C-alpha atoms as a PDB file:
ATOM      1  CA  UNK A   1     251.544  50.129 125.868  1.00  0.00           C
ATOM      2  CA  UNK A   2     252.846  53.805 125.521  1.00  0.00           C
ATOM      3  CA  UNK A   3     251.986  56.300 128.191  1.00  0.00           C
ATOM      4  CA  UNK A   4     251.075  59.772 127.048  1.00  0.00           C
ATOM      5  CA  UNK A   5     251.926  62.711 128.459  1.00  0.00           C
ATOM      6  CA  UNK A   6     248.977  64.706 130.325  1.00  0.00           C
ATOM      7  CA  UNK A   7     248.831  66.991 127.125  1.00  0.00           C
ATOM      8  CA  UNK A   8     248.385  64.321 124.702  1.00  0.00           C
ATOM      9  CA  UNK A   9     246.145  62.379 126.421  1.00  0.00           C
ATOM     10  CA  UNK A  10     243.849  65.447 127.040  1.00  0.00           C
ATOM     11  CA  UNK A  11     243.941  65.852 123.211  1.00  0.00           C
ATOM     12  CA  UNK A  12     243.456  61.937 122.452  1.00  0.00           C
ATOM     13  CA  UNK A  13     240.201  62.273 124.382  1.00  0.00           C
ATOM     14  CA  UNK A  14     238.573  65.395 122.529  1.00  0.00           C
ATOM     15  CA  UNK A  15     237.554  63.735 119.817  1.00  0.00           C
ATOM     16  CA  UNK A  16     235.510  61.281 122.384  1.00  0.00           C
ATOM     17  CA  UNK A  17     233.733  64.646 123.701  1.00  0.00           C
ATOM     18  CA  UNK A  18     233.359  66.476 120.962  1.00  0.00           C
ATOM     19  CA  UNK A  19     229.595  65.808 120.827  1.00  0.00           C
ATOM     20  CA  UNK A  20     228.741  67.022 124.082  1.00  0.00           C
ATOM     21  CA  UNK A  21     226.944  70.196 123.686  1.00  0.00           C
ATOM     22  CA  UNK A  22     228.435  71.670 126.771  1.00  0.00           C
ATOM     23  CA  UNK A  23     231.541  73.600 127.478  1.00  0.00           C
ATOM     24  CA  UNK A  24     234.299  71.169 128.925  1.00  0.00           C
ATOM     25  CA  UNK A  25     237.610  71.673 130.374  1.00  0.00           C
ATOM     26  CA  UNK A  26     239.968  68.540 130.213  1.00  0.00           C
ATOM     27  CA  UNK A  27     242.384  68.014 133.104  1.00  0.00           C
ATOM     28  CA  UNK A  28     245.011  64.972 133.114  1.00  0.00           C
ATOM     29  CA  UNK A  29     247.166  64.547 136.180  1.00  0.00           C
ATOM     30  CA  UNK A  30     248.555  62.130 138.298  1.00  0.00           C
ATOM     31  CA  UNK A  31     247.672  61.695 142.155  1.00  0.00           C
ATOM     32  CA  UNK A  32     251.461  62.634 143.063  1.00  0.00           C
ATOM     33  CA  UNK A  33     250.606  66.355 140.958  1.00  0.00           C
ATOM     34  CA  UNK A  34     247.175  66.192 142.897  1.00  0.00           C
ATOM     35  CA  UNK A  35     249.125  66.137 146.109  1.00  0.00           C
ATOM     36  CA  UNK A  36     251.694  68.445 145.547  1.00  0.00           C
ATOM     37  CA  UNK A  37     249.058  70.974 143.988  1.00  0.00           C
ATOM     38  CA  UNK A  38     245.985  70.226 144.157  1.00  0.00           C
ATOM     39  CA  UNK A  39     244.856  72.119 147.231  1.00  0.00           C
ATOM     40  CA  UNK A  40     246.526  75.510 146.262  1.00  0.00           C
ATOM     41  CA  UNK A  41     243.718  78.077 145.722  1.00  0.00           C
ATOM     42  CA  UNK A  42     243.592  79.342 142.342  1.00  0.00           C
ATOM     43  CA  UNK A  43     244.833  76.576 140.221  1.00  0.00           C
ATOM     44  CA  UNK A  44     242.772  74.774 137.940  1.00  0.00           C
ATOM     45  CA  UNK A  45     243.678  71.634 139.918  1.00  0.00           C
ATOM     46  CA  UNK A  46     242.150  73.256 143.052  1.00  0.00           C
ATOM     47  CA  UNK A  47     238.919  74.092 141.203  1.00  0.00           C
ATOM     48  CA  UNK A  48     238.779  70.914 139.137  1.00  0.00           C
ATOM     49  CA  UNK A  49     238.506  69.205 142.902  1.00  0.00           C
ATOM     50  CA  UNK A  50     236.535  71.652 144.161  1.00  0.00           C
ATOM     51  CA  UNK A  51     233.924  71.963 141.408  1.00  0.00           C
ATOM     52  CA  UNK A  52     234.783  69.616 138.713  1.00  0.00           C
ATOM     53  CA  UNK A  53     233.336  65.992 137.955  1.00  0.00           C
ATOM     54  CA  UNK A  54     235.076  62.820 137.430  1.00  0.00           C
ATOM     55  CA  UNK A  55     234.030  61.321 134.057  1.00  0.00           C
ATOM     56  CA  UNK A  56     236.519  58.412 134.461  1.00  0.00           C
ATOM     57  CA  UNK A  57     239.226  57.171 136.747  1.00  0.00           C
ATOM     58  CA  UNK A  58     241.618  54.433 136.379  1.00  0.00           C
ATOM     59  CA  UNK A  59     242.624  52.786 139.610  1.00  0.00           C
END
């Protein structure tokens, strides 16, 4: 199985979410990136962590 870079994963998810009648931002990240940048105020990761909703999480 090929592991896609985050930006390719986000693009691949778009068709699955296209029918949702709301605005959406797709953020694909890693636990390491969240640990490094997730709590920096002003970043998209911080906003996603404080205001976003997890739709899918693989543990």
